[in-house]
């Protein structure tokens, strides 16, 4: 059995191997990597990209793409903090109202993207690039300047623990559970069918428009949760938040073995891809490279990893 045959449908195994290598190198460069404090810190940094990459997977599986996820993160952030500040109290009810408003904003953005792409048949890359600009403009209108703080109970809860485990770890576990549940549902097979051969999926009776809109709603919902995590991390509102997350999520999805053309891949692979991107940043930082070269080297390594994944997937 050739390597290509062994890895057929399991390209994420290559990503897992790369992640293990990066962890080993990082552990060599950073002796305290496996201490609880450092592990929690790394997971806190990696978690938003993990969430957005998972959501992006469901869009790409259907043969689409969403370049507005970073702008959705910013819009959800400013809506959340503005609603909490507007209520004027720091109790749990105000925080809950802000969180619900943020999640509702994310879902509305996903429905809008899905309507433009699936119902009006606009090109996904152009439509979501445009809506990203629109969402960014709305975010700046809601909160023109960064710095509006969130109540202490919000960020303390996010930075704290629950049943002896960090809250960020519980969120990560919840993401994996959600990926498993969605993976067992017919909806995932419908997304894959639509991305694999849209005309054939339509001829078999699948509600192609509804399936594609559902993918965009999922992407926006995961982006909204990522925004709530970033809000807990930064403890403030920022209308410019999340600018680089869109392309980072696409890179994570491809690293995880999902084809950009749609029809094959898994959200679990995207989780691994996001962790790989995070670990690449760690390795470069602790290798002590000059600051002016760090971004360049990270780009080269990420590009090499993407190229390797694509070659194996094609074989």
Protein backbone atom coordinates (compact mmCIF):
# COMPACT_ATOMS: atom_id res chain seq x y z
CA UNK A 1 0.00 0.00 0.00
CA UNK A 2 1.45 3.35 -1.02
CA UNK A 3 1.60 6.35 1.29
CA UNK A 4 -0.95 8.17 -0.86
CA UNK A 5 -3.42 5.29 -0.56
CA UNK A 6 -2.86 5.01 3.18
CA UNK A 7 -3.57 8.73 3.62
CA UNK A 8 -6.57 8.84 1.30
CA UNK A 9 -9.33 10.67 3.18
CA UNK A 10 -6.97 11.18 6.13
CA UNK A 11 -4.81 14.09 5.05
CA UNK A 12 -5.27 15.47 8.54
CA UNK A 13 -2.83 12.77 9.72
CA UNK A 14 -0.07 14.70 7.94
CA UNK A 15 -1.17 17.83 9.81
CA UNK A 16 -1.15 15.89 13.08
CA UNK A 17 2.39 14.69 12.38
CA UNK A 18 3.49 18.26 11.65
CA UNK A 19 1.87 19.43 14.89
CA UNK A 20 3.72 16.76 16.89
CA UNK A 21 7.04 17.81 15.34
CA UNK A 22 6.35 21.48 16.10
CA UNK A 23 5.43 20.66 19.70
CA UNK A 24 8.70 18.74 20.13
CA UNK A 25 10.73 21.62 18.67
CA UNK A 26 8.82 24.14 20.80
CA UNK A 27 9.44 22.04 23.93
CA UNK A 28 13.16 22.05 23.14
CA UNK A 29 13.18 25.84 22.73
CA UNK A 30 10.81 26.53 25.64
CA UNK A 31 11.55 24.32 28.62
CA UNK A 32 8.36 25.23 30.51
CA UNK A 33 6.01 24.51 27.58
CA UNK A 34 4.10 21.77 29.38
CA UNK A 35 3.45 23.67 32.59
CA UNK A 36 -0.26 24.38 33.21
CA UNK A 37 0.23 28.15 33.04
CA UNK A 38 1.94 28.08 29.63
CA UNK A 39 -0.45 25.50 28.20
CA UNK A 40 -3.40 27.66 29.25
CA UNK A 41 -1.76 30.76 27.78
CA UNK A 42 -1.13 29.04 24.44
CA UNK A 43 -4.66 27.66 24.26
CA UNK A 44 -6.06 31.12 24.99
CA UNK A 45 -4.11 32.52 22.05
CA UNK A 46 -4.93 29.64 19.66
CA UNK A 47 -8.63 29.25 20.51
CA UNK A 48 -10.12 32.11 18.40
CA UNK A 49 -8.41 30.86 15.23
CA UNK A 50 -9.51 27.29 16.02
CA UNK A 51 -13.12 28.42 16.27
CA UNK A 52 -13.05 30.48 13.08
CA UNK A 53 -11.26 27.71 11.15
CA UNK A 54 -13.95 25.22 12.18
CA UNK A 55 -16.68 27.56 10.97
CA UNK A 56 -14.81 28.30 7.74
CA UNK A 57 -14.62 24.56 7.06
CA UNK A 58 -18.38 24.24 6.71
CA UNK A 59 -18.44 27.03 4.12
CA UNK A 60 -15.52 25.62 2.13
CA UNK A 61 -16.94 22.09 2.20
CA UNK A 62 -19.86 23.45 0.18
CA UNK A 63 -17.48 24.96 -2.38
CA UNK A 64 -17.78 28.52 -1.04
CA UNK A 65 -15.54 30.80 1.03
CA UNK A 66 -16.09 33.50 3.66
CA UNK A 67 -13.65 36.40 3.77
CA UNK A 68 -15.83 38.41 6.15
CA UNK A 69 -15.21 36.31 9.28
CA UNK A 70 -12.63 38.75 10.65
CA UNK A 71 -15.04 41.65 10.24
CA UNK A 72 -17.79 39.59 11.90
CA UNK A 73 -15.46 39.12 14.89
CA UNK A 74 -15.01 42.89 15.17
CA UNK A 75 -18.73 43.63 14.79
CA UNK A 76 -19.77 41.05 17.37
CA UNK A 77 -17.15 42.41 19.77
CA UNK A 78 -18.35 46.01 19.60
CA UNK A 79 -22.03 45.02 19.76
CA UNK A 80 -21.38 42.89 22.84
CA UNK A 81 -19.48 45.55 24.79
CA UNK A 82 -21.83 48.34 23.68
CA UNK A 83 -24.95 46.46 24.81
CA UNK A 84 -23.38 45.69 28.18
CA UNK A 85 -22.30 49.33 28.60
CA UNK A 86 -25.74 50.53 27.48
CA UNK A 87 -27.49 48.51 30.17
CA UNK A 88 -25.25 50.26 32.66
CA UNK A 89 -24.76 47.45 35.16
CA UNK A 90 -22.09 44.81 35.67
CA UNK A 91 -24.32 41.98 36.83
CA UNK A 92 -24.77 38.62 35.13
CA UNK A 93 -27.96 39.72 33.35
CA UNK A 94 -26.17 42.55 31.54
CA UNK A 95 -23.29 40.29 30.51
CA UNK A 96 -25.73 37.64 29.27
CA UNK A 97 -27.68 40.25 27.28
CA UNK A 98 -24.46 41.41 25.64
CA UNK A 99 -23.42 37.85 24.78
CA UNK A 100 -26.83 37.05 23.28
CA UNK A 101 -26.76 40.28 21.26
CA UNK A 102 -23.32 39.36 19.95
CA UNK A 103 -24.39 35.85 18.95
CA UNK A 104 -27.53 37.21 17.26
CA UNK A 105 -25.37 39.68 15.33
CA UNK A 106 -23.15 36.84 14.13
CA UNK A 107 -26.12 34.77 12.95
CA UNK A 108 -27.56 37.80 11.12
CA UNK A 109 -24.24 38.33 9.33
CA UNK A 110 -24.18 34.66 8.31
CA UNK A 111 -27.73 34.82 6.97
CA UNK A 112 -26.87 37.96 5.00
CA UNK A 113 -23.76 36.35 3.48
CA UNK A 114 -25.68 33.17 2.68
CA UNK A 115 -28.50 35.11 1.03
CA UNK A 116 -26.09 37.04 -1.20
CA UNK A 117 -24.12 33.96 -2.24
CA UNK A 118 -26.70 31.18 -2.31
CA UNK A 119 -29.92 33.03 -3.17
CA UNK A 120 -28.63 35.92 -5.30
CA UNK A 121 -25.83 33.77 -6.80
CA UNK A 122 -23.06 36.33 -6.24
CA UNK A 123 -19.46 35.11 -6.36
CA UNK A 124 -18.56 34.02 -2.79
CA UNK A 125 -15.08 35.56 -2.74
CA UNK A 126 -16.34 38.92 -4.04
CA UNK A 127 -19.54 39.01 -1.99
CA UNK A 128 -17.90 38.17 1.33
CA UNK A 129 -15.01 40.53 0.66
CA UNK A 130 -17.60 43.28 0.19
CA UNK A 131 -19.65 42.31 3.23
CA UNK A 132 -16.44 42.25 5.25
CA UNK A 133 -15.95 45.92 4.37
CA UNK A 134 -19.61 46.56 5.23
CA UNK A 135 -19.40 44.82 8.61
CA UNK A 136 -16.17 46.67 9.41
CA UNK A 137 -17.85 49.97 8.64
CA UNK A 138 -20.79 49.13 10.88
CA UNK A 139 -18.38 48.15 13.66
CA UNK A 140 -16.67 51.53 13.41
CA UNK A 141 -20.06 53.24 13.45
CA UNK A 142 -21.09 51.37 16.61
CA UNK A 143 -17.78 51.99 18.38
CA UNK A 144 -15.55 54.56 16.63
CA UNK A 145 -12.61 54.15 19.03
CA UNK A 146 -11.21 51.15 20.86
CA UNK A 147 -11.09 50.85 24.62
CA UNK A 148 -14.64 50.48 25.91
CA UNK A 149 -14.13 48.04 28.81
CA UNK A 150 -16.22 44.99 29.65
CA UNK A 151 -17.26 44.26 33.25
CA UNK A 152 -14.73 42.45 35.40
CA UNK A 153 -16.99 39.38 35.88
CA UNK A 154 -16.81 38.76 32.11
CA UNK A 155 -13.04 38.61 31.70
CA UNK A 156 -12.45 37.08 35.12
CA UNK A 157 -14.79 34.22 34.26
CA UNK A 158 -13.07 33.70 30.92
CA UNK A 159 -9.63 33.76 32.52
CA UNK A 160 -10.74 31.57 35.42
CA UNK A 161 -11.52 27.92 35.87
CA UNK A 162 -14.43 25.53 36.22
CA UNK A 163 -14.21 22.19 38.03
CA UNK A 164 -10.42 22.52 38.33
CA UNK A 165 -9.97 23.10 34.57
CA UNK A 166 -9.52 26.44 32.73
CA UNK A 167 -12.62 27.85 31.02
CA UNK A 168 -10.70 28.06 27.74
CA UNK A 169 -10.11 24.29 27.90
CA UNK A 170 -13.84 23.68 28.44
CA UNK A 171 -14.57 25.82 25.38
CA UNK A 172 -12.03 23.85 23.34
CA UNK A 173 -13.62 20.59 24.47
CA UNK A 174 -17.04 21.97 23.54
CA UNK A 175 -15.71 22.79 20.06
CA UNK A 176 -14.52 19.21 19.59
CA UNK A 177 -17.88 17.88 20.77
CA UNK A 178 -19.71 20.22 18.39
CA UNK A 179 -17.48 19.06 15.52
CA UNK A 180 -18.30 15.44 16.40
CA UNK A 181 -22.04 16.10 16.57
CA UNK A 182 -22.09 18.02 13.29
CA UNK A 183 -19.97 15.31 11.69
CA UNK A 184 -22.60 12.71 12.54
CA UNK A 185 -25.49 14.74 11.15
CA UNK A 186 -26.83 14.46 7.57
CA UNK A 187 -26.17 18.18 7.14
CA UNK A 188 -22.43 17.56 6.84
CA UNK A 189 -22.99 15.00 4.09
CA UNK A 190 -25.24 17.50 2.33
CA UNK A 191 -22.52 20.17 2.51
CA UNK A 192 -19.99 17.72 1.09
CA UNK A 193 -22.37 16.70 -1.69
CA UNK A 194 -23.05 20.33 -2.63
CA UNK A 195 -19.33 21.10 -2.70
CA UNK A 196 -18.45 17.93 -4.59
CA UNK A 197 -20.95 18.31 -7.42
CA UNK A 198 -23.53 21.07 -7.02
CA UNK A 199 -25.59 20.21 -10.09
CA UNK A 200 -25.85 16.55 -9.12
CA UNK A 201 -26.79 17.49 -5.56
CA UNK A 202 -29.59 19.69 -6.90
CA UNK A 203 -30.84 16.95 -9.20
CA UNK A 204 -31.06 14.50 -6.30
CA UNK A 205 -33.42 16.86 -4.48
CA UNK A 206 -31.07 18.50 -1.98
CA UNK A 207 -32.06 22.01 -0.93
CA UNK A 208 -28.78 23.45 -2.20
CA UNK A 209 -29.59 27.06 -1.36
CA UNK A 210 -30.60 26.23 2.20
CA UNK A 211 -27.52 24.04 2.71
CA UNK A 212 -25.16 26.77 1.54
CA UNK A 213 -26.86 29.37 3.74
CA UNK A 214 -26.54 26.95 6.65
CA UNK A 215 -22.78 26.75 6.05
CA UNK A 216 -22.47 30.54 6.21
CA UNK A 217 -24.57 30.72 9.38
CA UNK A 218 -22.34 28.13 11.05
CA UNK A 219 -19.23 30.04 10.01
CA UNK A 220 -20.62 33.29 11.40
CA UNK A 221 -21.76 31.61 14.62
CA UNK A 222 -18.32 30.14 15.27
CA UNK A 223 -16.81 33.54 14.46
CA UNK A 224 -19.16 35.14 16.99
CA UNK A 225 -18.03 32.70 19.69
CA UNK A 226 -14.40 33.45 18.76
CA UNK A 227 -15.18 37.15 19.17
CA UNK A 228 -16.63 36.54 22.63
CA UNK A 229 -13.40 34.71 23.51
CA UNK A 230 -11.27 37.60 22.24
CA UNK A 231 -13.47 40.00 24.20
CA UNK A 232 -12.77 38.00 27.34
CA UNK A 233 -9.05 38.01 26.54
CA UNK A 234 -8.72 41.72 25.77
CA UNK A 235 -11.45 42.88 28.22
CA UNK A 236 -12.44 45.70 25.87
CA UNK A 237 -14.10 46.61 22.60
CA UNK A 238 -12.07 47.13 19.42
CA UNK A 239 -13.69 47.84 16.00
CA UNK A 240 -10.45 46.79 14.24
CA UNK A 241 -10.23 43.39 15.91
CA UNK A 242 -9.76 40.25 13.82
CA UNK A 243 -8.23 41.74 10.71
CA UNK A 244 -5.93 38.79 9.90
CA UNK A 245 -8.25 35.99 11.00
CA UNK A 246 -9.98 35.47 7.65
CA UNK A 247 -6.88 34.43 5.71
CA UNK A 248 -5.54 32.61 8.75
CA UNK A 249 -8.71 30.52 8.91
CA UNK A 250 -8.47 29.62 5.22
CA UNK A 251 -4.84 28.56 5.72
CA UNK A 252 -5.84 26.41 8.71
CA UNK A 253 -8.62 24.76 6.72
CA UNK A 254 -6.29 23.89 3.84
CA UNK A 255 -3.59 22.69 6.25
CA UNK A 256 -6.21 20.42 7.78
CA UNK A 257 -6.80 18.68 4.46
CA UNK A 258 -10.00 20.33 3.25
CA UNK A 259 -10.00 21.06 -0.47
CA UNK A 260 -10.68 24.69 -1.39
CA UNK A 261 -12.81 23.42 -4.26
CA UNK A 262 -15.12 21.79 -1.70
CA UNK A 263 -16.46 18.28 -1.37
CA UNK A 264 -13.82 16.77 0.94
CA UNK A 265 -12.26 17.48 4.29
CA UNK A 266 -13.12 17.69 7.97
CA UNK A 267 -13.47 20.29 10.69
CA UNK A 268 -11.23 18.18 12.94
CA UNK A 269 -8.43 18.62 10.43
CA UNK A 270 -9.03 22.39 10.55
CA UNK A 271 -8.59 22.33 14.34
CA UNK A 272 -5.20 20.70 13.82
CA UNK A 273 -4.37 23.20 11.08
CA UNK A 274 -5.12 26.14 13.40
CA UNK A 275 -2.94 24.61 16.12
CA UNK A 276 -0.12 24.13 13.60
CA UNK A 277 -0.28 27.82 12.63
CA UNK A 278 -0.17 28.79 16.29
CA UNK A 279 2.77 26.50 17.01
CA UNK A 280 4.68 27.85 14.01
CA UNK A 281 4.41 31.30 15.57
CA UNK A 282 5.65 29.95 18.90
CA UNK A 283 8.64 28.15 17.38
CA UNK A 284 9.71 31.22 15.41
CA UNK A 285 9.41 33.45 18.48
CA UNK A 286 11.37 31.18 20.81
CA UNK A 287 13.99 30.47 18.15
CA UNK A 288 15.05 34.06 18.73
CA UNK A 289 14.80 35.22 15.13
CA UNK A 290 15.06 38.99 14.61
CA UNK A 291 11.65 40.61 14.68
CA UNK A 292 11.87 41.84 11.08
CA UNK A 293 12.27 38.25 9.83
CA UNK A 294 9.61 36.55 11.95
CA UNK A 295 6.65 37.28 9.67
CA UNK A 296 8.66 36.33 6.58
CA UNK A 297 9.78 33.00 8.03
CA UNK A 298 6.28 32.22 9.30
CA UNK A 299 4.88 32.87 5.83
CA UNK A 300 7.48 30.61 4.18
CA UNK A 301 6.87 27.76 6.64
CA UNK A 302 3.09 28.05 6.32
CA UNK A 303 3.34 28.12 2.53
CA UNK A 304 5.54 25.01 2.56
CA UNK A 305 3.10 23.21 4.83
CA UNK A 306 0.17 24.20 2.60
CA UNK A 307 2.01 23.03 -0.52
CA UNK A 308 2.86 19.69 1.10
CA UNK A 309 -0.75 19.11 2.12
CA UNK A 310 -2.04 19.97 -1.34
CA UNK A 311 0.45 17.62 -3.04
CA UNK A 312 -0.54 14.71 -0.81
CA UNK A 313 -4.26 15.46 -1.27
CA UNK A 314 -3.89 15.51 -5.06
CA UNK A 315 -2.00 12.22 -5.07
